[in-house]
Amino acid sequence: MASKLFIGNLPRTATDSGLSDFVTAAGFQVASAVVIRDRATGEVKGFGFVELAEGEDLQRAIGSLDGQFLEDRRVNVSEARPQRSFTGPPRGGGGGGGGRGRGGFNRRRDY
């Protein structure tokens, strides 16, 4: 089973190939590398994921890469966690509200 690294504090100029080269230069074989970008702007969000090739030691890679510099930034490297599944209401949907307001001048009072 392949192992996946989370790499944080990436510079704004990071690329997929640059991230792959960074890990390869440390002596590890890379199956895939992706820098996460904002969908709307395309700007680097500051983190990415690297999937190590079969047989690579995840803990050794973390120990070797964590705290190293990529361009001018000291990166944080850890084991990637599975993506959370979100089952709540859609984002930006607002939710709540609607209906009648509270009070008003013609409200009947029973006291």
PDB file of N, CA and C in Angstrom:
ATOM      1  N   MET A   1       0.834  -1.180   0.000  1.00  0.00           N
ATOM      2  CA  MET A   1       0.000   0.000   0.000  1.00  0.00           C
ATOM      3  C   MET A   1       0.882   1.248   0.000  1.00  0.00           C
ATOM      4  N   ALA A   2       0.558   2.196  -0.834  1.00  0.00           N
ATOM      5  CA  ALA A   2       1.334   3.435  -0.920  1.00  0.00           C
ATOM      6  C   ALA A   2       1.034   4.308   0.293  1.00  0.00           C
ATOM      7  N   SER A   3       1.972   5.163   0.633  1.00  0.00           N
ATOM      8  CA  SER A   3       1.830   6.071   1.765  1.00  0.00           C
ATOM      9  C   SER A   3       1.717   7.492   1.250  1.00  0.00           C
ATOM     10  N   LYS A   4       0.921   8.304   1.957  1.00  0.00           N
ATOM     11  CA  LYS A   4       0.705   9.676   1.507  1.00  0.00           C
ATOM     12  C   LYS A   4       1.168  10.655   2.576  1.00  0.00           C
ATOM     13  N   LEU A   5       1.928  11.660   2.121  1.00  0.00           N
ATOM     14  CA  LEU A   5       2.434  12.712   2.987  1.00  0.00           C
ATOM     15  C   LEU A   5       1.609  13.976   2.818  1.00  0.00           C
ATOM     16  N   PHE A   6       1.395  14.689   3.919  1.00  0.00           N
ATOM     17  CA  PHE A   6       0.853  16.041   3.887  1.00  0.00           C
ATOM     18  C   PHE A   6       2.048  16.967   4.018  1.00  0.00           C
ATOM     19  N   ILE A   7       2.165  17.940   3.133  1.00  0.00           N
ATOM     20  CA  ILE A   7       3.269  18.885   3.195  1.00  0.00           C
ATOM     21  C   ILE A   7       2.674  20.290   3.273  1.00  0.00           C
ATOM     22  N   GLY A   8       2.895  20.949   4.412  1.00  0.00           N
ATOM     23  CA  GLY A   8       2.322  22.268   4.659  1.00  0.00           C
ATOM     24  C   GLY A   8       3.371  23.366   4.628  1.00  0.00           C
ATOM     25  N   ASN A   9       2.895  24.596   4.613  1.00  0.00           N
ATOM     26  CA  ASN A   9       3.711  25.806   4.569  1.00  0.00           C
ATOM     27  C   ASN A   9       4.472  25.931   3.248  1.00  0.00           C
ATOM     28  N   LEU A  10       3.819  25.537   2.167  1.00  0.00           N
ATOM     29  CA  LEU A  10       4.440  25.638   0.844  1.00  0.00           C
ATOM     30  C   LEU A  10       4.477  27.093   0.380  1.00  0.00           C
ATOM     31  N   PRO A  11       5.493  27.457  -0.383  1.00  0.00           N
ATOM     32  CA  PRO A  11       5.539  28.809  -0.938  1.00  0.00           C
ATOM     33  C   PRO A  11       4.466  28.988  -2.006  1.00  0.00           C
ATOM     34  N   ARG A  12       4.089  30.225  -2.267  1.00  0.00           N
ATOM     35  CA  ARG A  12       3.059  30.535  -3.271  1.00  0.00           C
ATOM     36  C   ARG A  12       3.474  30.145  -4.682  1.00  0.00           C
ATOM     37  N   THR A  13       4.764  29.941  -4.902  1.00  0.00           N
ATOM     38  CA  THR A  13       5.266  29.587  -6.228  1.00  0.00           C
ATOM     39  C   THR A  13       5.410  28.085  -6.423  1.00  0.00           C
ATOM     40  N   ALA A  14       4.966  27.285  -5.448  1.00  0.00           N
ATOM     41  CA  ALA A  14       5.124  25.828  -5.520  1.00  0.00           C
ATOM     42  C   ALA A  14       4.337  25.248  -6.698  1.00  0.00           C
ATOM     43  N   THR A  15       4.907  24.201  -7.293  1.00  0.00           N
ATOM     44  CA  THR A  15       4.247  23.488  -8.388  1.00  0.00           C
ATOM     45  C   THR A  15       4.244  21.992  -8.066  1.00  0.00           C
ATOM     46  N   ASP A  16       3.420  21.243  -8.784  1.00  0.00           N
ATOM     47  CA  ASP A  16       3.379  19.790  -8.592  1.00  0.00           C
ATOM     48  C   ASP A  16       4.757  19.177  -8.857  1.00  0.00           C
ATOM     49  N   SER A  17       5.376  19.572  -9.952  1.00  0.00           N
ATOM     50  CA  SER A  17       6.682  19.000 -10.298  1.00  0.00           C
ATOM     51  C   SER A  17       7.757  19.427  -9.301  1.00  0.00           C
ATOM     52  N   GLY A  18       7.684  20.664  -8.820  1.00  0.00           N
ATOM     53  CA  GLY A  18       8.647  21.131  -7.823  1.00  0.00           C
ATOM     54  C   GLY A  18       8.521  20.368  -6.516  1.00  0.00           C
ATOM     55  N   LEU A  19       7.286  20.066  -6.115  1.00  0.00           N
ATOM     56  CA  LEU A  19       7.049  19.291  -4.898  1.00  0.00           C
ATOM     57  C   LEU A  19       7.573  17.866  -5.065  1.00  0.00           C
ATOM     58  N   SER A  20       7.331  17.285  -6.219  1.00  0.00           N
ATOM     59  CA  SER A  20       7.842  15.944  -6.511  1.00  0.00           C
ATOM     60  C   SER A  20       9.373  15.929  -6.486  1.00  0.00           C
ATOM     61  N   ASP A  21       9.987  16.936  -7.105  1.00  0.00           N
ATOM     62  CA  ASP A  21      11.452  17.032  -7.130  1.00  0.00           C
ATOM     63  C   ASP A  21      12.028  17.182  -5.721  1.00  0.00           C
ATOM     64  N   PHE A  22      11.350  17.939  -4.857  1.00  0.00           N
ATOM     65  CA  PHE A  22      11.777  18.149  -3.476  1.00  0.00           C
ATOM     66  C   PHE A  22      11.875  16.818  -2.730  1.00  0.00           C
ATOM     67  N   VAL A  23      10.858  15.975  -2.887  1.00  0.00           N
ATOM     68  CA  VAL A  23      10.831  14.679  -2.191  1.00  0.00           C
ATOM     69  C   VAL A  23      11.814  13.709  -2.836  1.00  0.00           C
ATOM     70  N   THR A  24      11.912  13.722  -4.151  1.00  0.00           N
ATOM     71  CA  THR A  24      12.841  12.851  -4.871  1.00  0.00           C
ATOM     72  C   THR A  24      14.290  13.183  -4.506  1.00  0.00           C
ATOM     73  N   ALA A  25      14.602  14.472  -4.362  1.00  0.00           N
ATOM     74  CA  ALA A  25      15.963  14.900  -4.006  1.00  0.00           C
ATOM     75  C   ALA A  25      16.374  14.395  -2.631  1.00  0.00           C
ATOM     76  N   ALA A  26      15.391  14.113  -1.770  1.00  0.00           N
ATOM     77  CA  ALA A  26      15.677  13.579  -0.438  1.00  0.00           C
ATOM     78  C   ALA A  26      15.871  12.063  -0.469  1.00  0.00           C
ATOM     79  N   GLY A  27      15.734  11.458  -1.650  1.00  0.00           N
ATOM     80  CA  GLY A  27      15.990  10.028  -1.799  1.00  0.00           C
ATOM     81  C   GLY A  27      14.778   9.132  -1.773  1.00  0.00           C
ATOM     82  N   PHE A  28      13.596   9.691  -2.022  1.00  0.00           N
ATOM     83  CA  PHE A  28      12.372   8.884  -1.995  1.00  0.00           C
ATOM     84  C   PHE A  28      11.728   8.871  -3.375  1.00  0.00           C
ATOM     85  N   GLN A  29      11.135   7.728  -3.713  1.00  0.00           N
ATOM     86  CA  GLN A  29      10.433   7.616  -4.990  1.00  0.00           C
ATOM     87  C   GLN A  29       9.006   8.115  -4.818  1.00  0.00           C
ATOM     88  N   VAL A  30       8.560   8.910  -5.769  1.00  0.00           N
ATOM     89  CA  VAL A  30       7.246   9.547  -5.712  1.00  0.00           C
ATOM     90  C   VAL A  30       6.317   8.914  -6.737  1.00  0.00           C
ATOM     91  N   ALA A  31       5.121   8.543  -6.283  1.00  0.00           N
ATOM     92  CA  ALA A  31       4.096   8.046  -7.201  1.00  0.00           C
ATOM     93  C   ALA A  31       3.294   9.206  -7.765  1.00  0.00           C
ATOM     94  N   SER A  32       2.996  10.206  -6.932  1.00  0.00           N
ATOM     95  CA  SER A  32       2.272  11.389  -7.391  1.00  0.00           C
ATOM     96  C   SER A  32       2.496  12.535  -6.406  1.00  0.00           C
ATOM     97  N   ALA A  33       2.364  13.743  -6.917  1.00  0.00           N
ATOM     98  CA  ALA A  33       2.486  14.939  -6.080  1.00  0.00           C
ATOM     99  C   ALA A  33       1.508  15.978  -6.590  1.00  0.00           C
ATOM    100  N   VAL A  34       0.807  16.621  -5.663  1.00  0.00           N
ATOM    101  CA  VAL A  34      -0.150  17.653  -6.059  1.00  0.00           C
ATOM    102  C   VAL A  34      -0.120  18.791  -5.044  1.00  0.00           C
ATOM    103  N   VAL A  35      -0.026  20.007  -5.574  1.00  0.00           N
ATOM    104  CA  VAL A  35      -0.123  21.213  -4.770  1.00  0.00           C
ATOM    105  C   VAL A  35      -1.577  21.661  -4.839  1.00  0.00           C
ATOM    106  N   ILE A  36      -2.196  21.896  -3.692  1.00  0.00           N
ATOM    107  CA  ILE A  36      -3.603  22.269  -3.650  1.00  0.00           C
ATOM    108  C   ILE A  36      -3.752  23.757  -3.943  1.00  0.00           C
ATOM    109  N   ARG A  37      -4.690  24.055  -4.841  1.00  0.00           N
ATOM    110  CA  ARG A  37      -4.927  25.435  -5.277  1.00  0.00           C
ATOM    111  C   ARG A  37      -6.377  25.836  -5.011  1.00  0.00           C
ATOM    112  N   ASP A  38      -6.586  27.111  -4.850  1.00  0.00           N
ATOM    113  CA  ASP A  38      -7.925  27.661  -4.682  1.00  0.00           C
ATOM    114  C   ASP A  38      -8.677  27.499  -6.000  1.00  0.00           C
ATOM    115  N   ARG A  39      -9.882  26.989  -5.951  1.00  0.00           N
ATOM    116  CA  ARG A  39     -10.654  26.741  -7.177  1.00  0.00           C
ATOM    117  C   ARG A  39     -10.991  28.031  -7.921  1.00  0.00           C
ATOM    118  N   ALA A  40     -11.277  29.076  -7.181  1.00  0.00           N
ATOM    119  CA  ALA A  40     -11.694  30.330  -7.815  1.00  0.00           C
ATOM    120  C   ALA A  40     -10.528  31.114  -8.389  1.00  0.00           C
ATOM    121  N   THR A  41      -9.419  31.193  -7.649  1.00  0.00           N
ATOM    122  CA  THR A  41      -8.313  32.053  -8.066  1.00  0.00           C
ATOM    123  C   THR A  41      -7.134  31.305  -8.667  1.00  0.00           C
ATOM    124  N   GLY A  42      -7.023  30.019  -8.374  1.00  0.00           N
ATOM    125  CA  GLY A  42      -5.884  29.236  -8.857  1.00  0.00           C
ATOM    126  C   GLY A  42      -4.624  29.423  -8.028  1.00  0.00           C
ATOM    127  N   GLU A  43      -4.700  30.220  -6.960  1.00  0.00           N
ATOM    128  CA  GLU A  43      -3.539  30.459  -6.109  1.00  0.00           C
ATOM    129  C   GLU A  43      -3.266  29.262  -5.213  1.00  0.00           C
ATOM    130  N   VAL A  44      -1.979  29.042  -4.930  1.00  0.00           N
ATOM    131  CA  VAL A  44      -1.565  27.953  -4.043  1.00  0.00           C
ATOM    132  C   VAL A  44      -2.123  28.205  -2.652  1.00  0.00           C
ATOM    133  N   LYS A  45      -2.736  27.173  -2.054  1.00  0.00           N
ATOM    134  CA  LYS A  45      -3.323  27.315  -0.726  1.00  0.00           C
ATOM    135  C   LYS A  45      -2.298  27.086   0.385  1.00  0.00           C
ATOM    136  N   GLY A  46      -1.077  26.694   0.034  1.00  0.00           N
ATOM    137  CA  GLY A  46      -0.031  26.553   1.043  1.00  0.00           C
ATOM    138  C   GLY A  46       0.225  25.129   1.497  1.00  0.00           C
ATOM    139  N   PHE A  47      -0.433  24.158   0.865  1.00  0.00           N
ATOM    140  CA  PHE A  47      -0.169  22.768   1.224  1.00  0.00           C
ATOM    141  C   PHE A  47      -0.360  21.870   0.017  1.00  0.00           C
ATOM    142  N   GLY A  48       0.120  20.644   0.161  1.00  0.00           N
ATOM    143  CA  GLY A  48      -0.005  19.676  -0.910  1.00  0.00           C
ATOM    144  C   GLY A  48       0.155  18.274  -0.376  1.00  0.00           C
ATOM    145  N   PHE A  49       0.048  17.310  -1.269  1.00  0.00           N
ATOM    146  CA  PHE A  49       0.146  15.898  -0.904  1.00  0.00           C
ATOM    147  C   PHE A  49       1.107  15.185  -1.844  1.00  0.00           C
ATOM    148  N   VAL A  50       1.881  14.286  -1.269  1.00  0.00           N
ATOM    149  CA  VAL A  50       2.795  13.461  -2.055  1.00  0.00           C
ATOM    150  C   VAL A  50       2.522  12.011  -1.701  1.00  0.00           C
ATOM    151  N   GLU A  51       2.252  11.223  -2.723  1.00  0.00           N
ATOM    152  CA  GLU A  51       2.070   9.788  -2.534  1.00  0.00           C
ATOM    153  C   GLU A  51       3.398   9.121  -2.849  1.00  0.00           C
ATOM    154  N   LEU A  52       3.937   8.420  -1.851  1.00  0.00           N
ATOM    155  CA  LEU A  52       5.207   7.735  -2.036  1.00  0.00           C
ATOM    156  C   LEU A  52       4.991   6.441  -2.792  1.00  0.00           C
ATOM    157  N   ALA A  53       6.014   6.024  -3.528  1.00  0.00           N
ATOM    158  CA  ALA A  53       5.954   4.772  -4.278  1.00  0.00           C
ATOM    159  C   ALA A  53       5.868   3.590  -3.304  1.00  0.00           C
ATOM    160  N   GLU A  54       5.381   2.490  -3.804  1.00  0.00           N
ATOM    161  CA  GLU A  54       5.250   1.258  -3.038  1.00  0.00           C
ATOM    162  C   GLU A  54       6.576   0.897  -2.381  1.00  0.00           C
ATOM    163  N   GLY A  55       6.536   0.569  -1.101  1.00  0.00           N
ATOM    164  CA  GLY A  55       7.725   0.115  -0.397  1.00  0.00           C
ATOM    165  C   GLY A  55       8.521   1.209   0.294  1.00  0.00           C
ATOM    166  N   GLU A  56       8.176   2.480   0.058  1.00  0.00           N
ATOM    167  CA  GLU A  56       8.890   3.572   0.723  1.00  0.00           C
ATOM    168  C   GLU A  56       8.429   3.661   2.183  1.00  0.00           C
ATOM    169  N   ASP A  57       9.345   4.013   3.074  1.00  0.00           N
ATOM    170  CA  ASP A  57       9.069   4.103   4.499  1.00  0.00           C
ATOM    171  C   ASP A  57       8.518   5.492   4.836  1.00  0.00           C
ATOM    172  N   LEU A  58       7.256   5.541   5.200  1.00  0.00           N
ATOM    173  CA  LEU A  58       6.577   6.798   5.486  1.00  0.00           C
ATOM    174  C   LEU A  58       7.243   7.555   6.636  1.00  0.00           C
ATOM    175  N   GLN A  59       7.500   6.874   7.735  1.00  0.00           N
ATOM    176  CA  GLN A  59       8.081   7.542   8.909  1.00  0.00           C
ATOM    177  C   GLN A  59       9.486   8.069   8.624  1.00  0.00           C
ATOM    178  N   ARG A  60      10.248   7.344   7.854  1.00  0.00           N
ATOM    179  CA  ARG A  60      11.593   7.804   7.487  1.00  0.00           C
ATOM    180  C   ARG A  60      11.497   9.046   6.598  1.00  0.00           C
ATOM    181  N   ALA A  61      10.529   9.062   5.699  1.00  0.00           N
ATOM    182  CA  ALA A  61      10.331  10.221   4.834  1.00  0.00           C
ATOM    183  C   ALA A  61       9.920  11.439   5.656  1.00  0.00           C
ATOM    184  N   ILE A  62       9.025  11.262   6.603  1.00  0.00           N
ATOM    185  CA  ILE A  62       8.599  12.370   7.458  1.00  0.00           C
ATOM    186  C   ILE A  62       9.787  12.911   8.237  1.00  0.00           C
ATOM    187  N   GLY A  63      10.554  12.025   8.839  1.00  0.00           N
ATOM    188  CA  GLY A  63      11.724  12.445   9.604  1.00  0.00           C
ATOM    189  C   GLY A  63      12.760  13.161   8.758  1.00  0.00           C
ATOM    190  N   SER A  64      12.905  12.742   7.533  1.00  0.00           N
ATOM    191  CA  SER A  64      13.895  13.327   6.636  1.00  0.00           C
ATOM    192  C   SER A  64      13.456  14.678   6.062  1.00  0.00           C
ATOM    193  N   LEU A  65      12.159  14.852   5.811  1.00  0.00           N
ATOM    194  CA  LEU A  65      11.663  16.042   5.115  1.00  0.00           C
ATOM    195  C   LEU A  65      11.131  17.142   6.037  1.00  0.00           C
ATOM    196  N   ASP A  66      10.599  16.773   7.195  1.00  0.00           N
ATOM    197  CA  ASP A  66       9.992  17.760   8.090  1.00  0.00           C
ATOM    198  C   ASP A  66      11.026  18.789   8.533  1.00  0.00           C
ATOM    199  N   GLY A  67      10.703  20.060   8.342  1.00  0.00           N
ATOM    200  CA  GLY A  67      11.592  21.138   8.746  1.00  0.00           C
ATOM    201  C   GLY A  67      12.594  21.561   7.684  1.00  0.00           C
ATOM    202  N   GLN A  68      12.606  20.876   6.553  1.00  0.00           N
ATOM    203  CA  GLN A  68      13.509  21.256   5.464  1.00  0.00           C
ATOM    204  C   GLN A  68      12.942  22.467   4.728  1.00  0.00           C
ATOM    205  N   PHE A  69      13.792  23.129   3.965  1.00  0.00           N
ATOM    206  CA  PHE A  69      13.365  24.305   3.211  1.00  0.00           C
ATOM    207  C   PHE A  69      13.033  23.942   1.771  1.00  0.00           C
ATOM    208  N   LEU A  70      11.884  24.422   1.320  1.00  0.00           N
ATOM    209  CA  LEU A  70      11.503  24.353  -0.090  1.00  0.00           C
ATOM    210  C   LEU A  70      11.417  25.805  -0.530  1.00  0.00           C
ATOM    211  N   GLU A  71      12.302  26.183  -1.430  1.00  0.00           N
ATOM    212  CA  GLU A  71      12.498  27.585  -1.789  1.00  0.00           C
ATOM    213  C   GLU A  71      12.837  28.331  -0.505  1.00  0.00           C
ATOM    214  N   ASP A  72      12.029  29.278  -0.081  1.00  0.00           N
ATOM    215  CA  ASP A  72      12.362  30.060   1.107  1.00  0.00           C
ATOM    216  C   ASP A  72      11.506  29.720   2.323  1.00  0.00           C
ATOM    217  N   ARG A  73      10.794  28.599   2.265  1.00  0.00           N
ATOM    218  CA  ARG A  73       9.869  28.242   3.349  1.00  0.00           C
ATOM    219  C   ARG A  73      10.260  26.934   4.001  1.00  0.00           C
ATOM    220  N   ARG A  74      10.191  26.901   5.344  1.00  0.00           N
ATOM    221  CA  ARG A  74      10.426  25.666   6.096  1.00  0.00           C
ATOM    222  C   ARG A  74       9.107  24.894   6.098  1.00  0.00           C
ATOM    223  N   VAL A  75       9.110  23.713   5.490  1.00  0.00           N
ATOM    224  CA  VAL A  75       7.863  22.957   5.339  1.00  0.00           C
ATOM    225  C   VAL A  75       7.592  22.066   6.546  1.00  0.00           C
ATOM    226  N   ASN A  76       6.302  21.783   6.742  1.00  0.00           N
ATOM    227  CA  ASN A  76       5.838  20.858   7.777  1.00  0.00           C
ATOM    228  C   ASN A  76       5.383  19.595   7.067  1.00  0.00           C
ATOM    229  N   VAL A  77       5.902  18.463   7.487  1.00  0.00           N
ATOM    230  CA  VAL A  77       5.561  17.205   6.825  1.00  0.00           C
ATOM    231  C   VAL A  77       4.998  16.242   7.862  1.00  0.00           C
ATOM    232  N   SER A  78       3.870  15.631   7.521  1.00  0.00           N
ATOM    233  CA  SER A  78       3.244  14.637   8.388  1.00  0.00           C
ATOM    234  C   SER A  78       2.490  13.634   7.526  1.00  0.00           C
ATOM    235  N   GLU A  79       1.970  12.614   8.175  1.00  0.00           N
ATOM    236  CA  GLU A  79       1.173  11.628   7.447  1.00  0.00           C
ATOM    237  C   GLU A  79      -0.169  12.259   7.092  1.00  0.00           C
ATOM    238  N   ALA A  80      -0.586  12.083   5.853  1.00  0.00           N
ATOM    239  CA  ALA A  80      -1.882  12.616   5.416  1.00  0.00           C
ATOM    240  C   ALA A  80      -2.992  11.818   6.073  1.00  0.00           C
ATOM    241  N   ARG A  81      -4.011  12.531   6.515  1.00  0.00           N
ATOM    242  CA  ARG A  81      -5.183  11.881   7.103  1.00  0.00           C
ATOM    243  C   ARG A  81      -6.245  11.715   6.034  1.00  0.00           C
ATOM    244  N   PRO A  82      -7.126  10.731   6.189  1.00  0.00           N
ATOM    245  CA  PRO A  82      -8.202  10.566   5.205  1.00  0.00           C
ATOM    246  C   PRO A  82      -9.084  11.810   5.161  1.00  0.00           C
ATOM    247  N   GLN A  83      -9.613  12.100   3.983  1.00  0.00           N
ATOM    248  CA  GLN A  83     -10.472  13.262   3.813  1.00  0.00           C
ATOM    249  C   GLN A  83     -11.755  13.055   4.598  1.00  0.00           C
ATOM    250  N   ARG A  84     -12.186  14.111   5.301  1.00  0.00           N
ATOM    251  CA  ARG A  84     -13.429  14.032   6.069  1.00  0.00           C
ATOM    252  C   ARG A  84     -14.611  14.081   5.114  1.00  0.00           C
ATOM    253  N   SER A  85     -15.634  13.314   5.454  1.00  0.00           N
ATOM    254  CA  SER A  85     -16.857  13.418   4.662  1.00  0.00           C
ATOM    255  C   SER A  85     -17.794  14.353   5.409  1.00  0.00           C
ATOM    256  N   PHE A  86     -18.338  15.307   4.713  1.00  0.00           N
ATOM    257  CA  PHE A  86     -19.197  16.309   5.320  1.00  0.00           C
ATOM    258  C   PHE A  86     -20.622  16.034   4.898  1.00  0.00           C
ATOM    259  N   THR A  87     -21.510  15.887   5.862  1.00  0.00           N
ATOM    260  CA  THR A  87     -22.891  15.547   5.539  1.00  0.00           C
ATOM    261  C   THR A  87     -23.869  16.654   5.895  1.00  0.00           C
ATOM    262  N   GLY A  88     -23.368  17.831   6.223  1.00  0.00           N
ATOM    263  CA  GLY A  88     -24.236  18.942   6.590  1.00  0.00           C
ATOM    264  C   GLY A  88     -24.828  19.610   5.372  1.00  0.00           C
ATOM    265  N   PRO A  89     -25.474  20.753   5.598  1.00  0.00           N
ATOM    266  CA  PRO A  89     -26.071  21.484   4.475  1.00  0.00           C
ATOM    267  C   PRO A  89     -24.993  22.010   3.544  1.00  0.00           C
ATOM    268  N   PRO A  90     -25.325  22.273   2.289  1.00  0.00           N
ATOM    269  CA  PRO A  90     -24.331  22.779   1.348  1.00  0.00           C
ATOM    270  C   PRO A  90     -23.776  24.120   1.814  1.00  0.00           C
ATOM    271  N   ARG A  91     -22.512  24.368   1.505  1.00  0.00           N
ATOM    272  CA  ARG A  91     -21.887  25.624   1.900  1.00  0.00           C
ATOM    273  C   ARG A  91     -22.510  26.781   1.136  1.00  0.00           C
ATOM    274  N   GLY A  92     -22.658  27.878   1.824  1.00  0.00           N
ATOM    275  CA  GLY A  92     -23.173  29.074   1.176  1.00  0.00           C
ATOM    276  C   GLY A  92     -24.677  29.040   0.957  1.00  0.00           C
ATOM    277  N   GLY A  93     -25.320  27.979   1.391  1.00  0.00           N
ATOM    278  CA  GLY A  93     -26.752  27.848   1.201  1.00  0.00           C
ATOM    279  C   GLY A  93     -27.549  28.703   2.165  1.00  0.00           C
ATOM    280  N   GLY A  94     -26.889  29.246   3.152  1.00  0.00           N
ATOM    281  CA  GLY A  94     -27.580  30.093   4.108  1.00  0.00           C
ATOM    282  C   GLY A  94     -28.252  29.273   5.179  1.00  0.00           C
ATOM    283  N   GLY A  95     -29.311  28.627   4.850  1.00  0.00           N
ATOM    284  CA  GLY A  95     -30.027  27.826   5.829  1.00  0.00           C
ATOM    285  C   GLY A  95     -30.714  28.702   6.864  1.00  0.00           C
ATOM    286  N   GLY A  96     -31.575  28.139   7.634  1.00  0.00           N
ATOM    287  CA  GLY A  96     -32.255  28.862   8.707  1.00  0.00           C
ATOM    288  C   GLY A  96     -33.095  30.003   8.171  1.00  0.00           C
ATOM    289  N   GLY A  97     -33.648  30.751   9.067  1.00  0.00           N
ATOM    290  CA  GLY A  97     -34.374  31.950   8.682  1.00  0.00           C
ATOM    291  C   GLY A  97     -35.709  31.666   8.028  1.00  0.00           C
ATOM    292  N   GLY A  98     -36.209  32.650   7.350  1.00  0.00           N
ATOM    293  CA  GLY A  98     -37.502  32.513   6.704  1.00  0.00           C
ATOM    294  C   GLY A  98     -38.617  32.613   7.731  1.00  0.00           C
ATOM    295  N   GLY A  99     -39.808  32.450   7.290  1.00  0.00           N
ATOM    296  CA  GLY A  99     -40.932  32.469   8.225  1.00  0.00           C
ATOM    297  C   GLY A  99     -41.239  33.862   8.730  1.00  0.00           C
ATOM    298  N   ARG A 100     -41.922  33.912   9.838  1.00  0.00           N
ATOM    299  CA  ARG A 100     -42.397  35.177  10.390  1.00  0.00           C
ATOM    300  C   ARG A 100     -41.369  35.800  11.321  1.00  0.00           C
ATOM    301  N   GLY A 101     -41.416  37.089  11.395  1.00  0.00           N
ATOM    302  CA  GLY A 101     -40.541  37.817  12.294  1.00  0.00           C
ATOM    303  C   GLY A 101     -41.030  37.729  13.730  1.00  0.00           C
ATOM    304  N   ARG A 102     -40.291  38.320  14.623  1.00  0.00           N
ATOM    305  CA  ARG A 102     -40.667  38.311  16.039  1.00  0.00           C
ATOM    306  C   ARG A 102     -41.343  39.631  16.369  1.00  0.00           C
ATOM    307  N   GLY A 103     -42.543  39.564  16.803  1.00  0.00           N
ATOM    308  CA  GLY A 103     -43.212  40.777  17.263  1.00  0.00           C
ATOM    309  C   GLY A 103     -43.946  41.498  16.161  1.00  0.00           C
ATOM    310  N   GLY A 104     -44.145  42.764  16.346  1.00  0.00           N
ATOM    311  CA  GLY A 104     -44.897  43.587  15.409  1.00  0.00           C
ATOM    312  C   GLY A 104     -45.917  44.397  16.176  1.00  0.00           C
ATOM    313  N   PHE A 105     -46.497  45.402  15.538  1.00  0.00           N
ATOM    314  CA  PHE A 105     -47.413  46.294  16.245  1.00  0.00           C
ATOM    315  C   PHE A 105     -48.797  45.704  16.428  1.00  0.00           C
ATOM    316  N   ASN A 106     -49.221  44.819  15.550  1.00  0.00           N
ATOM    317  CA  ASN A 106     -50.574  44.285  15.647  1.00  0.00           C
ATOM    318  C   ASN A 106     -50.615  42.923  16.321  1.00  0.00           C
ATOM    319  N   ARG A 107     -49.640  42.642  17.099  1.00  0.00           N
ATOM    320  CA  ARG A 107     -49.575  41.350  17.767  1.00  0.00           C
ATOM    321  C   ARG A 107     -50.524  41.335  18.968  1.00  0.00           C
ATOM    322  N   ARG A 108     -51.295  40.301  19.084  1.00  0.00           N
ATOM    323  CA  ARG A 108     -52.233  40.180  20.187  1.00  0.00           C
ATOM    324  C   ARG A 108     -51.517  39.658  21.425  1.00  0.00           C
ATOM    325  N   ARG A 109     -51.811  40.253  22.539  1.00  0.00           N
ATOM    326  CA  ARG A 109     -51.212  39.819  23.800  1.00  0.00           C
ATOM    327  C   ARG A 109     -52.327  39.302  24.696  1.00  0.00           C
ATOM    328  N   ASP A 110     -52.084  38.182  25.362  1.00  0.00           N
ATOM    329  CA  ASP A 110     -53.104  37.574  26.234  1.00  0.00           C
ATOM    330  C   ASP A 110     -52.785  37.839  27.697  1.00  0.00           C
ATOM    331  N   TYR A 111     -52.611  39.072  28.082  1.00  0.00           N
ATOM    332  CA  TYR A 111     -52.400  39.358  29.495  1.00  0.00           C
ATOM    333  C   TYR A 111     -52.992  40.654  29.907  1.00  0.00           C
TER     334      TYR A 111
END
